[in-house]
Every structure is written in C-alpha cells, then in structure tokens.
PDB file of N, CA and C in Angstrom:
ATOM      1  N   MET A   1      -2.711  13.312  16.158  1.00  0.00           N
ATOM      2  CA  MET A   1      -4.055  12.983  15.742  1.00  0.00           C
ATOM      3  C   MET A   1      -4.143  12.811  14.229  1.00  0.00           C
ATOM      4  N   ASN A   2      -3.412  13.598  13.473  1.00  0.00           N
ATOM      5  CA  ASN A   2      -3.440  13.530  12.023  1.00  0.00           C
ATOM      6  C   ASN A   2      -2.967  12.164  11.523  1.00  0.00           C
ATOM      7  N   PHE A   3      -1.967  11.581  12.191  1.00  0.00           N
ATOM      8  CA  PHE A   3      -1.470  10.260  11.808  1.00  0.00           C
ATOM      9  C   PHE A   3      -2.566   9.208  11.946  1.00  0.00           C
ATOM     10  N   PHE A   4      -3.334   9.279  13.029  1.00  0.00           N
ATOM     11  CA  PHE A   4      -4.399   8.311  13.252  1.00  0.00           C
ATOM     12  C   PHE A   4      -5.507   8.436  12.211  1.00  0.00           C
ATOM     13  N   VAL A   5      -5.799   9.652  11.795  1.00  0.00           N
ATOM     14  CA  VAL A   5      -6.804   9.859  10.752  1.00  0.00           C
ATOM     15  C   VAL A   5      -6.310   9.264   9.435  1.00  0.00           C
ATOM     16  N   LYS A   6      -5.030   9.461   9.128  1.00  0.00           N
ATOM     17  CA  LYS A   6      -4.471   8.898   7.895  1.00  0.00           C
ATOM     18  C   LYS A   6      -4.462   7.376   7.932  1.00  0.00           C
ATOM     19  N   VAL A   7      -4.162   6.795   9.075  1.00  0.00           N
ATOM     20  CA  VAL A   7      -4.189   5.335   9.199  1.00  0.00           C
ATOM     21  C   VAL A   7      -5.618   4.823   9.048  1.00  0.00           C
ATOM     22  N   LEU A   8      -6.574   5.524   9.609  1.00  0.00           N
ATOM     23  CA  LEU A   8      -7.976   5.141   9.478  1.00  0.00           C
ATOM     24  C   LEU A   8      -8.412   5.210   8.013  1.00  0.00           C
ATOM     25  N   ILE A   9      -8.036   6.279   7.331  1.00  0.00           N
ATOM     26  CA  ILE A   9      -8.360   6.421   5.908  1.00  0.00           C
ATOM     27  C   ILE A   9      -7.689   5.310   5.104  1.00  0.00           C
ATOM     28  N   SER A  10      -6.440   5.028   5.401  1.00  0.00           N
ATOM     29  CA  SER A  10      -5.735   3.960   4.695  1.00  0.00           C
ATOM     30  C   SER A  10      -6.356   2.598   4.978  1.00  0.00           C
ATOM     31  N   GLY A  11      -6.781   2.383   6.208  1.00  0.00           N
ATOM     32  CA  GLY A  11      -7.450   1.128   6.548  1.00  0.00           C
ATOM     33  C   GLY A  11      -8.743   0.944   5.767  1.00  0.00           C
ATOM     34  N   LEU A  12      -9.510   2.007   5.646  1.00  0.00           N
ATOM     35  CA  LEU A  12     -10.728   1.946   4.842  1.00  0.00           C
ATOM     36  C   LEU A  12     -10.401   1.701   3.374  1.00  0.00           C
ATOM     37  N   ALA A  13      -9.325   2.322   2.889  1.00  0.00           N
ATOM     38  CA  ALA A  13      -8.911   2.120   1.499  1.00  0.00           C
ATOM     39  C   ALA A  13      -8.448   0.681   1.266  1.00  0.00           C
ATOM     40  N   VAL A  14      -7.760   0.093   2.241  1.00  0.00           N
ATOM     41  CA  VAL A  14      -7.344  -1.305   2.139  1.00  0.00           C
ATOM     42  C   VAL A  14      -8.573  -2.203   2.073  1.00  0.00           C
ATOM     43  N   LEU A  15      -9.538  -1.941   2.918  1.00  0.00           N
ATOM     44  CA  LEU A  15     -10.765  -2.744   2.938  1.00  0.00           C
ATOM     45  C   LEU A  15     -11.532  -2.613   1.617  1.00  0.00           C
ATOM     46  N   LEU A  16     -11.660  -1.399   1.113  1.00  0.00           N
ATOM     47  CA  LEU A  16     -12.365  -1.179  -0.146  1.00  0.00           C
ATOM     48  C   LEU A  16     -11.590  -1.768  -1.327  1.00  0.00           C
ATOM     49  N   GLY A  17     -10.260  -1.608  -1.312  1.00  0.00           N
ATOM     50  CA  GLY A  17      -9.441  -2.191  -2.373  1.00  0.00           C
ATOM     51  C   GLY A  17      -9.535  -3.704  -2.404  1.00  0.00           C
ATOM     52  N   ALA A  18      -9.568  -4.312  -1.237  1.00  0.00           N
ATOM     53  CA  ALA A  18      -9.719  -5.771  -1.169  1.00  0.00           C
ATOM     54  C   ALA A  18     -11.097  -6.198  -1.660  1.00  0.00           C
ATOM     55  N   TYR A  19     -12.093  -5.361  -1.428  1.00  0.00           N
ATOM     56  CA  TYR A  19     -13.436  -5.664  -1.914  1.00  0.00           C
ATOM     57  C   TYR A  19     -13.503  -5.558  -3.443  1.00  0.00           C
ATOM     58  N   LEU A  20     -12.819  -4.569  -4.006  1.00  0.00           N
ATOM     59  CA  LEU A  20     -12.882  -4.328  -5.445  1.00  0.00           C
ATOM     60  C   LEU A  20     -12.039  -5.291  -6.266  1.00  0.00           C
ATOM     61  N   LEU A  21     -10.918  -5.737  -5.734  1.00  0.00           N
ATOM     62  CA  LEU A  21      -9.986  -6.564  -6.497  1.00  0.00           C
ATOM     63  C   LEU A  21     -10.142  -8.041  -6.147  1.00  0.00           C
ATOM     64  N   PRO A  22     -10.240  -8.897  -7.143  1.00  0.00           N
ATOM     65  CA  PRO A  22     -10.403 -10.324  -6.847  1.00  0.00           C
ATOM     66  C   PRO A  22      -9.152 -10.993  -6.296  1.00  0.00           C
ATOM     67  N   GLY A  23      -7.973 -10.449  -6.517  1.00  0.00           N
ATOM     68  CA  GLY A  23      -6.737 -11.087  -6.070  1.00  0.00           C
ATOM     69  C   GLY A  23      -6.271 -10.687  -4.691  1.00  0.00           C
ATOM     70  N   VAL A  24      -7.076  -9.896  -3.973  1.00  0.00           N
ATOM     71  CA  VAL A  24      -6.690  -9.397  -2.653  1.00  0.00           C
ATOM     72  C   VAL A  24      -7.815  -9.700  -1.676  1.00  0.00           C
ATOM     73  N   ALA A  25      -7.430 -10.149  -0.471  1.00  0.00           N
ATOM     74  CA  ALA A  25      -8.432 -10.453   0.550  1.00  0.00           C
ATOM     75  C   ALA A  25      -7.950  -9.962   1.909  1.00  0.00           C
ATOM     76  N   VAL A  26      -8.882  -9.386   2.667  1.00  0.00           N
ATOM     77  CA  VAL A  26      -8.629  -8.938   4.037  1.00  0.00           C
ATOM     78  C   VAL A  26      -9.734  -9.511   4.906  1.00  0.00           C
ATOM     79  N   ASP A  27      -9.354 -10.097   6.040  1.00  0.00           N
ATOM     80  CA  ASP A  27     -10.339 -10.756   6.900  1.00  0.00           C
ATOM     81  C   ASP A  27     -11.372  -9.793   7.478  1.00  0.00           C
ATOM     82  N   ASN A  28     -10.911  -8.674   8.065  1.00  0.00           N
ATOM     83  CA  ASN A  28     -11.829  -7.749   8.725  1.00  0.00           C
ATOM     84  C   ASN A  28     -11.204  -6.359   8.792  1.00  0.00           C
ATOM     85  N   PHE A  29     -11.918  -5.427   9.412  1.00  0.00           N
ATOM     86  CA  PHE A  29     -11.440  -4.049   9.466  1.00  0.00           C
ATOM     87  C   PHE A  29     -10.197  -3.904  10.344  1.00  0.00           C
ATOM     88  N   ILE A  30     -10.119  -4.676  11.403  1.00  0.00           N
ATOM     89  CA  ILE A  30      -8.930  -4.616  12.270  1.00  0.00           C
ATOM     90  C   ILE A  30      -7.689  -5.041  11.481  1.00  0.00           C
ATOM     91  N   THR A  31      -7.828  -6.091  10.690  1.00  0.00           N
ATOM     92  CA  THR A  31      -6.720  -6.528   9.844  1.00  0.00           C
ATOM     93  C   THR A  31      -6.362  -5.447   8.831  1.00  0.00           C
ATOM     94  N   ALA A  32      -7.359  -4.762   8.287  1.00  0.00           N
ATOM     95  CA  ALA A  32      -7.104  -3.673   7.344  1.00  0.00           C
ATOM     96  C   ALA A  32      -6.341  -2.532   8.019  1.00  0.00           C
ATOM     97  N   LEU A  33      -6.674  -2.239   9.273  1.00  0.00           N
ATOM     98  CA  LEU A  33      -5.921  -1.212  10.006  1.00  0.00           C
ATOM     99  C   LEU A  33      -4.483  -1.652  10.255  1.00  0.00           C
ATOM    100  N   VAL A  34      -4.285  -2.931  10.569  1.00  0.00           N
ATOM    101  CA  VAL A  34      -2.929  -3.457  10.761  1.00  0.00           C
ATOM    102  C   VAL A  34      -2.155  -3.371   9.446  1.00  0.00           C
ATOM    103  N   VAL A  35      -2.809  -3.700   8.334  1.00  0.00           N
ATOM    104  CA  VAL A  35      -2.162  -3.588   7.026  1.00  0.00           C
ATOM    105  C   VAL A  35      -1.756  -2.142   6.771  1.00  0.00           C
ATOM    106  N   ALA A  36      -2.636  -1.202   7.072  1.00  0.00           N
ATOM    107  CA  ALA A  36      -2.316   0.214   6.874  1.00  0.00           C
ATOM    108  C   ALA A  36      -1.123   0.633   7.735  1.00  0.00           C
ATOM    109  N   LEU A  37      -1.080   0.186   8.984  1.00  0.00           N
ATOM    110  CA  LEU A  37       0.049   0.515   9.860  1.00  0.00           C
ATOM    111  C   LEU A  37       1.350  -0.104   9.371  1.00  0.00           C
ATOM    112  N   VAL A  38       1.296  -1.364   8.961  1.00  0.00           N
ATOM    113  CA  VAL A  38       2.505  -2.042   8.486  1.00  0.00           C
ATOM    114  C   VAL A  38       2.990  -1.413   7.183  1.00  0.00           C
ATOM    115  N   LEU A  39       2.067  -1.077   6.283  1.00  0.00           N
ATOM    116  CA  LEU A  39       2.470  -0.413   5.042  1.00  0.00           C
ATOM    117  C   LEU A  39       3.101   0.953   5.322  1.00  0.00           C
ATOM    118  N   ALA A  40       2.541   1.688   6.281  1.00  0.00           N
ATOM    119  CA  ALA A  40       3.133   2.978   6.650  1.00  0.00           C
ATOM    120  C   ALA A  40       4.545   2.788   7.208  1.00  0.00           C
ATOM    121  N   LEU A  41       4.711   1.777   8.034  1.00  0.00           N
ATOM    122  CA  LEU A  41       6.023   1.492   8.614  1.00  0.00           C
ATOM    123  C   LEU A  41       7.021   1.060   7.540  1.00  0.00           C
ATOM    124  N   LEU A  42       6.617   0.154   6.675  1.00  0.00           N
ATOM    125  CA  LEU A  42       7.506  -0.309   5.606  1.00  0.00           C
ATOM    126  C   LEU A  42       7.839   0.812   4.626  1.00  0.00           C
ATOM    127  N   ASN A  43       6.855   1.653   4.324  1.00  0.00           N
ATOM    128  CA  ASN A  43       7.110   2.767   3.409  1.00  0.00           C
ATOM    129  C   ASN A  43       8.036   3.809   4.004  1.00  0.00           C
ATOM    130  N   SER A  44       8.015   3.957   5.317  1.00  0.00           N
ATOM    131  CA  SER A  44       8.897   4.956   5.928  1.00  0.00           C
ATOM    132  C   SER A  44      10.295   4.406   6.220  1.00  0.00           C
ATOM    133  N   LEU A  45      10.416   3.108   6.457  1.00  0.00           N
ATOM    134  CA  LEU A  45      11.721   2.540   6.804  1.00  0.00           C
ATOM    135  C   LEU A  45      12.415   1.834   5.642  1.00  0.00           C
ATOM    136  N   LEU A  46      11.687   0.985   4.943  1.00  0.00           N
ATOM    137  CA  LEU A  46      12.301   0.135   3.926  1.00  0.00           C
ATOM    138  C   LEU A  46      12.328   0.769   2.539  1.00  0.00           C
ATOM    139  N   LYS A  47      11.284   1.481   2.182  1.00  0.00           N
ATOM    140  CA  LYS A  47      11.200   2.039   0.838  1.00  0.00           C
ATOM    141  C   LYS A  47      12.352   2.997   0.501  1.00  0.00           C
ATOM    142  N   PRO A  48      12.750   3.913   1.394  1.00  0.00           N
ATOM    143  CA  PRO A  48      13.888   4.782   1.037  1.00  0.00           C
ATOM    144  C   PRO A  48      15.177   4.002   0.759  1.00  0.00           C
ATOM    145  N   ILE A  49      15.392   2.928   1.496  1.00  0.00           N
ATOM    146  CA  ILE A  49      16.583   2.107   1.273  1.00  0.00           C
ATOM    147  C   ILE A  49      16.505   1.438  -0.098  1.00  0.00           C
ATOM    148  N   LEU A  50      15.350   0.882  -0.416  1.00  0.00           N
ATOM    149  CA  LEU A  50      15.182   0.234  -1.718  1.00  0.00           C
ATOM    150  C   LEU A  50      15.294   1.227  -2.869  1.00  0.00           C
ATOM    151  N   VAL A  51      14.780   2.424  -2.674  1.00  0.00           N
ATOM    152  CA  VAL A  51      14.869   3.443  -3.726  1.00  0.00           C
ATOM    153  C   VAL A  51      16.324   3.818  -3.985  1.00  0.00           C
ATOM    154  N   VAL A  52      17.090   4.007  -2.926  1.00  0.00           N
ATOM    155  CA  VAL A  52      18.502   4.365  -3.091  1.00  0.00           C
ATOM    156  C   VAL A  52      19.284   3.225  -3.751  1.00  0.00           C
ATOM    157  N   LEU A  53      19.002   1.997  -3.336  1.00  0.00           N
ATOM    158  CA  LEU A  53      19.721   0.857  -3.901  1.00  0.00           C
ATOM    159  C   LEU A  53      19.385   0.609  -5.368  1.00  0.00           C
ATOM    160  N   THR A  54      18.236   1.046  -5.806  1.00  0.00           N
ATOM    161  CA  THR A  54      17.816   0.779  -7.181  1.00  0.00           C
ATOM    162  C   THR A  54      17.802   2.034  -8.051  1.00  0.00           C
ATOM    163  N   ILE A  55      18.574   3.042  -7.694  1.00  0.00           N
ATOM    164  CA  ILE A  55      18.604   4.276  -8.482  1.00  0.00           C
ATOM    165  C   ILE A  55      18.961   4.021  -9.953  1.00  0.00           C
ATOM    166  N   PRO A  56      19.994   3.216 -10.273  1.00  0.00           N
ATOM    167  CA  PRO A  56      20.287   3.015 -11.699  1.00  0.00           C
ATOM    168  C   PRO A  56      19.114   2.404 -12.481  1.00  0.00           C
ATOM    169  N   VAL A  57      18.466   1.406 -11.915  1.00  0.00           N
ATOM    170  CA  VAL A  57      17.330   0.778 -12.603  1.00  0.00           C
ATOM    171  C   VAL A  57      16.165   1.761 -12.704  1.00  0.00           C
ATOM    172  N   THR A  58      15.964   2.547 -11.677  1.00  0.00           N
ATOM    173  CA  THR A  58      14.892   3.533 -11.688  1.00  0.00           C
ATOM    174  C   THR A  58      15.130   4.588 -12.760  1.00  0.00           C
ATOM    175  N   ILE A  59      16.351   5.014 -12.923  1.00  0.00           N
ATOM    176  CA  ILE A  59      16.683   5.999 -13.956  1.00  0.00           C
ATOM    177  C   ILE A  59      16.489   5.403 -15.344  1.00  0.00           C
ATOM    178  N   ILE A  60      16.958   4.181 -15.541  1.00  0.00           N
ATOM    179  CA  ILE A  60      16.831   3.529 -16.852  1.00  0.00           C
ATOM    180  C   ILE A  60      15.362   3.338 -17.231  1.00  0.00           C
ATOM    181  N   THR A  61      14.526   3.029 -16.253  1.00  0.00           N
ATOM    182  CA  THR A  61      13.100   2.790 -16.522  1.00  0.00           C
ATOM    183  C   THR A  61      12.250   4.051 -16.367  1.00  0.00           C
ATOM    184  N   PHE A  62      12.902   5.211 -16.256  1.00  0.00           N
ATOM    185  CA  PHE A  62      12.213   6.493 -16.106  1.00  0.00           C
ATOM    186  C   PHE A  62      11.259   6.514 -14.914  1.00  0.00           C
ATOM    187  N   GLY A  63      11.642   5.861 -13.824  1.00  0.00           N
ATOM    188  CA  GLY A  63      10.878   5.871 -12.595  1.00  0.00           C
ATOM    189  C   GLY A  63       9.842   4.768 -12.471  1.00  0.00           C
ATOM    190  N   LEU A  64       9.640   3.997 -13.508  1.00  0.00           N
ATOM    191  CA  LEU A  64       8.627   2.937 -13.448  1.00  0.00           C
ATOM    192  C   LEU A  64       8.999   1.826 -12.474  1.00  0.00           C
ATOM    193  N   PHE A  65      10.282   1.680 -12.173  1.00  0.00           N
ATOM    194  CA  PHE A  65      10.685   0.640 -11.229  1.00  0.00           C
ATOM    195  C   PHE A  65      10.164   0.923  -9.819  1.00  0.00           C
ATOM    196  N   LEU A  66       9.813   2.163  -9.542  1.00  0.00           N
ATOM    197  CA  LEU A  66       9.227   2.497  -8.238  1.00  0.00           C
ATOM    198  C   LEU A  66       7.898   1.756  -8.038  1.00  0.00           C
ATOM    199  N   LEU A  67       7.196   1.476  -9.121  1.00  0.00           N
ATOM    200  CA  LEU A  67       5.957   0.697  -9.022  1.00  0.00           C
ATOM    201  C   LEU A  67       6.256  -0.726  -8.580  1.00  0.00           C
ATOM    202  N   VAL A  68       7.374  -1.272  -9.042  1.00  0.00           N
ATOM    203  CA  VAL A  68       7.793  -2.609  -8.623  1.00  0.00           C
ATOM    204  C   VAL A  68       8.127  -2.603  -7.137  1.00  0.00           C
ATOM    205  N   ILE A  69       8.770  -1.554  -6.670  1.00  0.00           N
ATOM    206  CA  ILE A  69       9.098  -1.443  -5.244  1.00  0.00           C
ATOM    207  C   ILE A  69       7.815  -1.398  -4.416  1.00  0.00           C
ATOM    208  N   ASN A  70       6.803  -0.664  -4.886  1.00  0.00           N
ATOM    209  CA  ASN A  70       5.519  -0.622  -4.175  1.00  0.00           C
ATOM    210  C   ASN A  70       4.889  -2.010  -4.094  1.00  0.00           C
ATOM    211  N   ALA A  71       4.934  -2.741  -5.187  1.00  0.00           N
ATOM    212  CA  ALA A  71       4.367  -4.094  -5.197  1.00  0.00           C
ATOM    213  C   ALA A  71       5.138  -5.016  -4.258  1.00  0.00           C
ATOM    214  N   ILE A  72       6.450  -4.890  -4.219  1.00  0.00           N
ATOM    215  CA  ILE A  72       7.270  -5.706  -3.319  1.00  0.00           C
ATOM    216  C   ILE A  72       6.933  -5.406  -1.863  1.00  0.00           C
ATOM    217  N   ILE A  73       6.717  -4.137  -1.543  1.00  0.00           N
ATOM    218  CA  ILE A  73       6.368  -3.766  -0.174  1.00  0.00           C
ATOM    219  C   ILE A  73       5.004  -4.342   0.203  1.00  0.00           C
ATOM    220  N   ILE A  74       4.064  -4.339  -0.719  1.00  0.00           N
ATOM    221  CA  ILE A  74       2.751  -4.928  -0.436  1.00  0.00           C
ATOM    222  C   ILE A  74       2.875  -6.433  -0.242  1.00  0.00           C
ATOM    223  N   LEU A  75       3.691  -7.090  -1.055  1.00  0.00           N
ATOM    224  CA  LEU A  75       3.894  -8.533  -0.884  1.00  0.00           C
ATOM    225  C   LEU A  75       4.592  -8.843   0.435  1.00  0.00           C
ATOM    226  N   LEU A  76       5.493  -7.983   0.861  1.00  0.00           N
ATOM    227  CA  LEU A  76       6.141  -8.165   2.155  1.00  0.00           C
ATOM    228  C   LEU A  76       5.129  -8.010   3.296  1.00  0.00           C
ATOM    229  N   ALA A  77       4.249  -7.031   3.169  1.00  0.00           N
ATOM    230  CA  ALA A  77       3.197  -6.853   4.176  1.00  0.00           C
ATOM    231  C   ALA A  77       2.274  -8.071   4.206  1.00  0.00           C
ATOM    232  N   GLU A  78       1.994  -8.628   3.042  1.00  0.00           N
ATOM    233  CA  GLU A  78       1.158  -9.832   2.975  1.00  0.00           C
ATOM    234  C   GLU A  78       1.824 -11.000   3.680  1.00  0.00           C
ATOM    235  N   TRP A  79       3.134 -11.086   3.552  1.00  0.00           N
ATOM    236  CA  TRP A  79       3.890 -12.147   4.202  1.00  0.00           C
ATOM    237  C   TRP A  79       3.896 -11.968   5.726  1.00  0.00           C
ATOM    238  N   LEU A  80       3.876 -10.726   6.183  1.00  0.00           N
ATOM    239  CA  LEU A  80       3.957 -10.436   7.620  1.00  0.00           C
ATOM    240  C   LEU A  80       2.613 -10.529   8.342  1.00  0.00           C
ATOM    241  N   ILE A  81       1.519 -10.296   7.640  1.00  0.00           N
ATOM    242  CA  ILE A  81       0.223 -10.134   8.295  1.00  0.00           C
ATOM    243  C   ILE A  81      -0.675 -11.332   8.010  1.00  0.00           C
ATOM    244  N   GLU A  82      -1.119 -11.953   9.077  1.00  0.00           N
ATOM    245  CA  GLU A  82      -2.097 -13.042   8.985  1.00  0.00           C
ATOM    246  C   GLU A  82      -3.465 -12.437   8.677  1.00  0.00           C
ATOM    247  N   GLY A  83      -4.156 -12.948   7.686  1.00  0.00           N
ATOM    248  CA  GLY A  83      -5.470 -12.441   7.334  1.00  0.00           C
ATOM    249  C   GLY A  83      -5.453 -11.457   6.186  1.00  0.00           C
ATOM    250  N   PHE A  84      -4.285 -11.202   5.619  1.00  0.00           N
ATOM    251  CA  PHE A  84      -4.152 -10.331   4.449  1.00  0.00           C
ATOM    252  C   PHE A  84      -3.512 -11.171   3.356  1.00  0.00           C
ATOM    253  N   LEU A  85      -4.240 -11.395   2.272  1.00  0.00           N
ATOM    254  CA  LEU A  85      -3.763 -12.266   1.202  1.00  0.00           C
ATOM    255  C   LEU A  85      -3.729 -11.525  -0.127  1.00  0.00           C
ATOM    256  N   VAL A  86      -2.617 -11.675  -0.855  1.00  0.00           N
ATOM    257  CA  VAL A  86      -2.463 -11.125  -2.192  1.00  0.00           C
ATOM    258  C   VAL A  86      -2.016 -12.270  -3.086  1.00  0.00           C
ATOM    259  N   ASP A  87      -2.688 -12.459  -4.226  1.00  0.00           N
ATOM    260  CA  ASP A  87      -2.440 -13.612  -5.086  1.00  0.00           C
ATOM    261  C   ASP A  87      -1.062 -13.627  -5.740  1.00  0.00           C
ATOM    262  N   GLY A  88      -0.493 -12.494  -6.025  1.00  0.00           N
ATOM    263  CA  GLY A  88       0.813 -12.482  -6.675  1.00  0.00           C
ATOM    264  C   GLY A  88       1.254 -11.068  -6.985  1.00  0.00           C
ATOM    265  N   PHE A  89       2.308 -10.978  -7.785  1.00  0.00           N
ATOM    266  CA  PHE A  89       2.904  -9.686  -8.092  1.00  0.00           C
ATOM    267  C   PHE A  89       1.919  -8.748  -8.786  1.00  0.00           C
ATOM    268  N   TRP A  90       1.207  -9.246  -9.785  1.00  0.00           N
ATOM    269  CA  TRP A  90       0.310  -8.384 -10.550  1.00  0.00           C
ATOM    270  C   TRP A  90      -0.862  -7.904  -9.702  1.00  0.00           C
ATOM    271  N   SER A  91      -1.345  -8.755  -8.821  1.00  0.00           N
ATOM    272  CA  SER A  91      -2.395  -8.323  -7.897  1.00  0.00           C
ATOM    273  C   SER A  91      -1.867  -7.265  -6.934  1.00  0.00           C
ATOM    274  N   ALA A  92      -0.625  -7.433  -6.481  1.00  0.00           N
ATOM    275  CA  ALA A  92      -0.010  -6.443  -5.588  1.00  0.00           C
ATOM    276  C   ALA A  92       0.185  -5.117  -6.311  1.00  0.00           C
ATOM    277  N   LEU A  93       0.589  -5.178  -7.571  1.00  0.00           N
ATOM    278  CA  LEU A  93       0.789  -3.958  -8.350  1.00  0.00           C
ATOM    279  C   LEU A  93      -0.535  -3.225  -8.561  1.00  0.00           C
ATOM    280  N   LEU A  94      -1.574  -3.956  -8.915  1.00  0.00           N
ATOM    281  CA  LEU A  94      -2.884  -3.347  -9.105  1.00  0.00           C
ATOM    282  C   LEU A  94      -3.439  -2.823  -7.783  1.00  0.00           C
ATOM    283  N   PHE A  95      -3.225  -3.574  -6.700  1.00  0.00           N
ATOM    284  CA  PHE A  95      -3.655  -3.127  -5.371  1.00  0.00           C
ATOM    285  C   PHE A  95      -2.933  -1.839  -4.979  1.00  0.00           C
ATOM    286  N   SER A  96      -1.678  -1.719  -5.361  1.00  0.00           N
ATOM    287  CA  SER A  96      -0.918  -0.504  -5.081  1.00  0.00           C
ATOM    288  C   SER A  96      -1.548   0.701  -5.770  1.00  0.00           C
ATOM    289  N   PHE A  97      -1.933   0.534  -7.035  1.00  0.00           N
ATOM    290  CA  PHE A  97      -2.604   1.621  -7.760  1.00  0.00           C
ATOM    291  C   PHE A  97      -3.918   2.001  -7.086  1.00  0.00           C
ATOM    292  N   VAL A  98      -4.740   0.995  -6.793  1.00  0.00           N
ATOM    293  CA  VAL A  98      -6.056   1.243  -6.197  1.00  0.00           C
ATOM    294  C   VAL A  98      -5.913   1.888  -4.827  1.00  0.00           C
ATOM    295  N   LEU A  99      -4.989   1.380  -4.017  1.00  0.00           N
ATOM    296  CA  LEU A  99      -4.777   1.930  -2.677  1.00  0.00           C
ATOM    297  C   LEU A  99      -4.318   3.379  -2.745  1.00  0.00           C
ATOM    298  N   SER A 100      -3.408   3.685  -3.646  1.00  0.00           N
ATOM    299  CA  SER A 100      -2.936   5.064  -3.796  1.00  0.00           C
ATOM    300  C   SER A 100      -4.061   5.988  -4.229  1.00  0.00           C
ATOM    301  N   ALA A 101      -4.858   5.547  -5.186  1.00  0.00           N
ATOM    302  CA  ALA A 101      -5.954   6.383  -5.672  1.00  0.00           C
ATOM    303  C   ALA A 101      -7.008   6.614  -4.586  1.00  0.00           C
ATOM    304  N   LEU A 102      -7.369   5.560  -3.871  1.00  0.00           N
ATOM    305  CA  LEU A 102      -8.386   5.704  -2.829  1.00  0.00           C
ATOM    306  C   LEU A 102      -7.921   6.588  -1.686  1.00  0.00           C
ATOM    307  N   THR A 103      -6.685   6.434  -1.249  1.00  0.00           N
ATOM    308  CA  THR A 103      -6.195   7.285  -0.156  1.00  0.00           C
ATOM    309  C   THR A 103      -6.042   8.728  -0.623  1.00  0.00           C
ATOM    310  N   TRP A 104      -5.640   8.927  -1.878  1.00  0.00           N
ATOM    311  CA  TRP A 104      -5.509  10.279  -2.399  1.00  0.00           C
ATOM    312  C   TRP A 104      -6.868  10.985  -2.415  1.00  0.00           C
ATOM    313  N   VAL A 105      -7.894  10.295  -2.897  1.00  0.00           N
ATOM    314  CA  VAL A 105      -9.233  10.882  -2.947  1.00  0.00           C
ATOM    315  C   VAL A 105      -9.747  11.172  -1.533  1.00  0.00           C
ATOM    316  N   ALA A 106      -9.609  10.206  -0.630  1.00  0.00           N
ATOM    317  CA  ALA A 106     -10.107  10.382   0.737  1.00  0.00           C
ATOM    318  C   ALA A 106      -9.364  11.493   1.463  1.00  0.00           C
ATOM    319  N   GLU A 107      -8.062  11.578   1.295  1.00  0.00           N
ATOM    320  CA  GLU A 107      -7.304  12.630   1.969  1.00  0.00           C
ATOM    321  C   GLU A 107      -7.550  13.992   1.364  1.00  0.00           C
ATOM    322  N   SER A 108      -7.927  14.045   0.091  1.00  0.00           N
ATOM    323  CA  SER A 108      -8.257  15.349  -0.499  1.00  0.00           C
ATOM    324  C   SER A 108      -9.554  15.887   0.108  1.00  0.00           C
ATOM    325  N   PHE A 109     -10.502  15.005   0.444  1.00  0.00           N
ATOM    326  CA  PHE A 109     -11.702  15.445   1.129  1.00  0.00           C
ATOM    327  C   PHE A 109     -11.393  15.876   2.561  1.00  0.00           C
ATOM    328  N   GLN A 110     -10.473  15.184   3.201  1.00  0.00           N
ATOM    329  CA  GLN A 110     -10.122  15.494   4.589  1.00  0.00           C
ATOM    330  C   GLN A 110      -9.423  16.851   4.669  1.00  0.00           C
ATOM    331  N   ASP A 111      -8.620  17.208   3.682  1.00  0.00           N
ATOM    332  CA  ASP A 111      -7.904  18.490   3.706  1.00  0.00           C
ATOM    333  C   ASP A 111      -8.817  19.692   3.522  1.00  0.00           C
ATOM    334  N   LYS A 112      -9.968  19.494   2.922  1.00  0.00           N
ATOM    335  CA  LYS A 112     -10.866  20.608   2.628  1.00  0.00           C
ATOM    336  C   LYS A 112     -11.678  21.092   3.813  1.00  0.00           C
ATOM    337  N   ARG A 113     -11.727  20.306   4.883  1.00  0.00           N
ATOM    338  CA  ARG A 113     -12.563  20.733   6.000  1.00  0.00           C
ATOM    339  C   ARG A 113     -11.867  21.697   6.856  1.00  0.00           C
TER     340      ARG A 113
END
C-alpha cells in the first residue's frame, strides 16, 4: 500500500511540476501516474547502473553529475511515454529539481500522520 501512496504523490508532483514549468507538459492525471511509475522503474533499474558507470566523472564533479543522470532519466521517460513532453535537457534538469522538492514536501506530510 505504501508504494501506491508514493506513486500517487509522485503523480501529483508530476502534474504540479508540469503546471509550474513552461518546458514540461503532461496531458492528464493518468499520464502523470504513468510518468511516476516509469520514473520509479527507471530509477530503480537504470539509475544504479548509470551511477556505477560514471563514478569517475561523479567524483571529479563532486557528485554534480548525478543531476545530469536525473535529467537523462527524465528525458528517457519522455521518450517512452506518449503525452509527456519535455523541451530539452535544461527543462528536464529543472523538472528534476521541482519533482524532487515536491515529492519530498508531500512525503514529509505523509510520514507525520
């Protein structure tokens, strides 16, 4: 049940992030839920592989390259999902920040109950 609540929170964050940012568009709430599910899947399967493969660059950049990996994962999700549009790398990077902040705030409220 906890996974479904997190996906719901992430879906709402995707919808709100798309509303706030001009470079990101989501057709509807169902698409936002699909985006949340695909991002969860990509973050659990692909992100660890990318992190391991880019350890030298991540060390040299003091961890900032992880932000690039987040943007790449969002662009990959955009490529996979019909109805989810991101204008480019910088929009994906900014969307990554907004999505992380919104889910963090929403999940902090959920943990307090």
